[in-house]
Amino acid sequence: MTTGQGVSDAAVIEQSRQEPGAFAALYERHAPHISRYVARRLGDDVADDVTAETFYRAFEKRRLYDLGRPDARPWLYGIAANVMAQHHRRETRMLRAFARSGADPVAQTYGGQMDGADDRLTATGLHRPLAAALAGLSRAHREVLLLIAWADLSYEEAAEALGISVGTVRSRLHRARKKVRAALGDADPMFVADEG
């Protein structure tokens, strides 16, 4: 078995159970996305460490992975969420500082190479109020919102990542969006996926 692009994540993980080096293919596929997500939430200075810890934990738990799930992204984002939970206070402080200063350290780090949602937020001037609104959310609500908005997970994938039901994802997302919209004066933050 090869670990090329056409091979599912589940097949890579299954192979890695016998050949541990095969797990590197999973890292190569997903580490850049996990790292960018972590950097967006916690800052570039801890992104490498959190990403490394995420994949270390994934490697250690690979025998528990449900091979019936071909895509490991939700599993990896769930592990990343658990690692990032240790940095919850840091994330809140970073969001509050951004809300006060308006200087987005992540956008500066990536030299303006943010995705379309970030570009739209910049154009509408919503970055500072959005950062303040995100800082005001509970960790559970923020996690659901950002997994869907920034990691681009579906409701089902977010539920899998967090080990909660899809109904709980919908409920938390609805509450988080309501709070964010209220904080933005009912402006559309333009970065969240459509409900439904």
Protein backbone atom coordinates (compact mmCIF):
# COMPACT_ATOMS: atom_id res chain seq x y z
CA MET A 1 0.00 0.00 0.00
CA THR A 2 1.24 3.47 -0.80
CA THR A 3 0.44 6.65 1.05
CA GLY A 4 -0.06 8.84 -2.03
CA GLN A 5 -2.70 11.51 -2.58
CA GLY A 6 -5.38 9.03 -3.70
CA VAL A 7 -5.20 7.04 -0.45
CA SER A 8 -7.68 7.93 2.29
CA ASP A 9 -6.56 9.20 5.68
CA ALA A 10 -8.03 6.05 7.21
CA ALA A 11 -5.85 3.90 4.96
CA VAL A 12 -2.78 5.92 5.95
CA ILE A 13 -3.60 5.52 9.63
CA GLU A 14 -4.25 1.81 9.19
CA GLN A 15 -0.89 1.40 7.43
CA SER A 16 0.85 3.41 10.14
CA ARG A 17 -0.27 0.85 12.71
CA GLN A 18 2.16 -1.61 11.12
CA GLU A 19 4.58 0.91 9.57
CA PRO A 20 4.77 3.95 11.90
CA GLY A 21 6.62 6.01 9.27
CA ALA A 22 3.52 6.00 7.07
CA PHE A 23 1.93 8.44 9.51
CA ALA A 24 4.13 11.18 8.00
CA ALA A 25 1.77 11.27 5.01
CA LEU A 26 -1.07 12.35 7.31
CA TYR A 27 1.14 15.07 8.75
CA GLU A 28 2.10 16.31 5.29
CA ARG A 29 -1.55 16.46 4.22
CA HIS A 30 -2.99 18.23 7.22
CA ALA A 31 -0.29 19.97 9.28
CA PRO A 32 -0.27 23.18 7.19
CA HIS A 33 -4.04 23.59 7.67
CA ILE A 34 -3.95 22.78 11.38
CA SER A 35 -1.00 25.14 11.85
CA ARG A 36 -2.74 28.01 10.07
CA TYR A 37 -5.89 27.46 12.12
CA VAL A 38 -3.91 27.43 15.37
CA ALA A 39 -1.93 30.51 14.32
CA ARG A 40 -5.17 32.34 13.54
CA ARG A 41 -6.46 31.55 17.01
CA LEU A 42 -3.37 31.71 19.21
CA GLY A 43 -0.68 33.47 17.22
CA ASP A 44 2.20 32.30 15.12
CA ASP A 45 4.60 31.93 18.04
CA VAL A 46 2.79 28.87 19.45
CA ALA A 47 1.34 27.42 16.24
CA ASP A 48 4.27 25.08 15.57
CA ASP A 49 4.26 23.73 19.12
CA VAL A 50 0.49 23.18 19.20
CA THR A 51 0.55 21.56 15.76
CA ALA A 52 3.40 19.27 16.79
CA GLU A 53 1.56 18.31 19.99
CA THR A 54 -1.61 17.67 17.98
CA PHE A 55 0.13 15.24 15.65
CA TYR A 56 2.07 13.62 18.51
CA ARG A 57 -1.23 12.89 20.29
CA ALA A 58 -2.81 11.70 17.02
CA PHE A 59 0.10 9.34 16.44
CA GLU A 60 -0.18 7.99 19.98
CA LYS A 61 -3.96 7.46 19.55
CA ARG A 62 -3.90 6.13 15.98
CA ARG A 63 -4.89 2.62 17.10
CA LEU A 64 -8.15 4.09 18.44
CA TYR A 65 -9.03 5.84 15.17
CA ASP A 66 -12.29 4.67 13.55
CA LEU A 67 -11.12 3.36 10.18
CA GLY A 68 -14.68 3.72 8.90
CA ARG A 69 -14.05 7.46 8.66
CA PRO A 70 -11.97 8.11 5.56
CA ASP A 71 -11.25 11.78 6.37
CA ALA A 72 -9.18 12.41 9.53
CA ARG A 73 -9.62 16.20 9.51
CA PRO A 74 -12.40 16.28 12.16
CA TRP A 75 -10.38 13.95 14.40
CA LEU A 76 -7.26 16.10 14.02
CA TYR A 77 -9.14 19.37 14.63
CA GLY A 78 -10.69 17.78 17.72
CA ILE A 79 -7.27 16.90 19.06
CA ALA A 80 -6.05 20.41 18.20
CA ALA A 81 -9.05 21.86 20.08
CA ASN A 82 -8.05 19.86 23.16
CA VAL A 83 -4.46 21.06 22.92
CA MET A 84 -5.60 24.66 22.35
CA ALA A 85 -7.89 24.47 25.39
CA GLN A 86 -4.73 24.78 27.46
CA HIS A 87 -4.23 28.16 25.77
CA HIS A 88 -7.80 29.46 26.23
CA ARG A 89 -6.73 32.42 28.34
CA ARG A 90 -4.02 33.33 25.85
CA GLU A 91 -6.54 33.30 23.00
CA THR A 92 -8.94 35.52 24.92
CA ARG A 93 -6.14 37.97 25.80
CA MET A 94 -5.01 38.03 22.16
CA LEU A 95 -8.54 38.73 20.91
CA ARG A 96 -9.03 41.51 23.46
CA ALA A 97 -5.69 43.09 22.54
CA PHE A 98 -6.61 42.93 18.88
CA ALA A 99 -9.99 44.50 19.62
CA ARG A 100 -8.23 47.41 21.37
CA SER A 101 -5.39 47.94 18.93
CA GLY A 102 -6.84 46.86 15.60
CA ALA A 103 -3.48 45.29 14.70
CA ASP A 104 -4.06 41.68 13.67
CA PRO A 105 -0.81 39.83 14.43
CA VAL A 106 -1.81 36.89 12.24
CA ALA A 107 -2.54 39.02 9.20
CA GLN A 108 0.81 40.73 9.71
CA THR A 109 2.57 37.37 10.00
CA TYR A 110 1.09 36.08 6.76
CA GLY A 111 1.84 39.31 4.92
CA GLY A 112 -1.71 39.89 3.76
CA GLN A 113 -2.14 36.36 2.44
CA MET A 114 -5.31 35.67 4.39
CA ASP A 115 -8.34 33.96 2.90
CA GLY A 116 -11.31 35.71 1.29
CA ALA A 117 -13.28 35.90 4.53
CA ASP A 118 -10.46 37.79 6.23
CA ASP A 119 -10.21 40.13 3.24
CA ARG A 120 -13.95 40.86 3.42
CA LEU A 121 -13.70 41.54 7.15
CA THR A 122 -10.87 43.98 6.57
CA ALA A 123 -12.83 45.74 3.83
CA THR A 124 -15.86 46.20 6.09
CA GLY A 125 -13.82 47.30 9.11
CA LEU A 126 -15.27 44.57 11.32
CA HIS A 127 -12.01 43.04 12.57
CA ARG A 128 -11.81 44.91 15.88
CA PRO A 129 -15.47 44.49 16.90
CA LEU A 130 -15.38 40.87 15.76
CA ALA A 131 -12.29 40.16 17.89
CA ALA A 132 -14.07 41.68 20.88
CA ALA A 133 -17.18 39.61 20.18
CA LEU A 134 -15.13 36.40 19.89
CA ALA A 135 -13.32 37.19 23.12
CA GLY A 136 -16.72 37.46 24.82
CA LEU A 137 -17.87 34.00 23.76
CA SER A 138 -17.53 30.97 25.98
CA ARG A 139 -14.85 28.51 24.91
CA ALA A 140 -17.50 26.00 23.79
CA HIS A 141 -19.33 28.53 21.61
CA ARG A 142 -16.10 29.96 20.17
CA GLU A 143 -14.81 26.47 19.37
CA VAL A 144 -17.90 25.52 17.34
CA LEU A 145 -18.03 28.85 15.53
CA LEU A 146 -14.36 28.82 14.55
CA LEU A 147 -14.25 25.17 13.53
CA ILE A 148 -17.01 25.91 11.05
CA ALA A 149 -15.88 29.40 10.00
CA TRP A 150 -12.10 29.11 9.98
CA ALA A 151 -11.42 25.36 9.69
CA ASP A 152 -14.27 25.01 7.18
CA LEU A 153 -15.71 21.91 8.86
CA SER A 154 -19.31 20.89 8.27
CA TYR A 155 -21.73 20.64 11.20
CA GLU A 156 -21.24 16.89 11.21
CA GLU A 157 -17.44 17.22 11.15
CA ALA A 158 -17.48 19.80 13.95
CA ALA A 159 -19.67 17.45 16.01
CA GLU A 160 -17.22 14.61 15.39
CA ALA A 161 -14.23 16.83 16.25
CA LEU A 162 -15.74 17.93 19.55
CA GLY A 163 -17.45 14.68 20.48
CA ILE A 164 -20.89 16.30 20.65
CA SER A 165 -24.13 15.86 18.73
CA VAL A 166 -24.94 17.77 15.55
CA GLY A 167 -27.89 19.29 17.43
CA THR A 168 -25.49 20.67 20.04
CA VAL A 169 -23.29 22.09 17.26
CA ARG A 170 -26.32 23.80 15.73
CA SER A 171 -27.44 25.17 19.09
CA ARG A 172 -23.99 26.48 20.04
CA LEU A 173 -23.45 27.93 16.59
CA HIS A 174 -26.82 29.68 16.66
CA ARG A 175 -26.06 31.21 20.07
CA ALA A 176 -22.54 32.21 19.06
CA ARG A 177 -23.72 33.83 15.82
CA LYS A 178 -26.47 35.66 17.66
CA LYS A 179 -23.97 37.09 20.16
CA VAL A 180 -21.50 38.01 17.43
CA ARG A 181 -24.16 39.69 15.31
CA ALA A 182 -25.44 41.63 18.33
CA ALA A 183 -21.90 42.77 19.12
CA LEU A 184 -21.50 43.89 15.50
CA GLY A 185 -24.73 45.87 15.52
CA ASP A 186 -26.50 43.15 13.52
CA ALA A 187 -23.89 43.40 10.75
CA ASP A 188 -23.19 40.19 8.92
CA PRO A 189 -19.69 39.13 9.97
CA MET A 190 -19.34 37.55 6.48
CA PHE A 191 -17.05 34.86 7.74
CA VAL A 192 -19.43 32.24 9.09
CA ALA A 193 -20.97 29.48 7.03
CA ASP A 194 -24.68 29.68 6.28
CA GLU A 195 -26.86 28.03 8.86
CA GLY A 196 -28.92 25.20 7.56
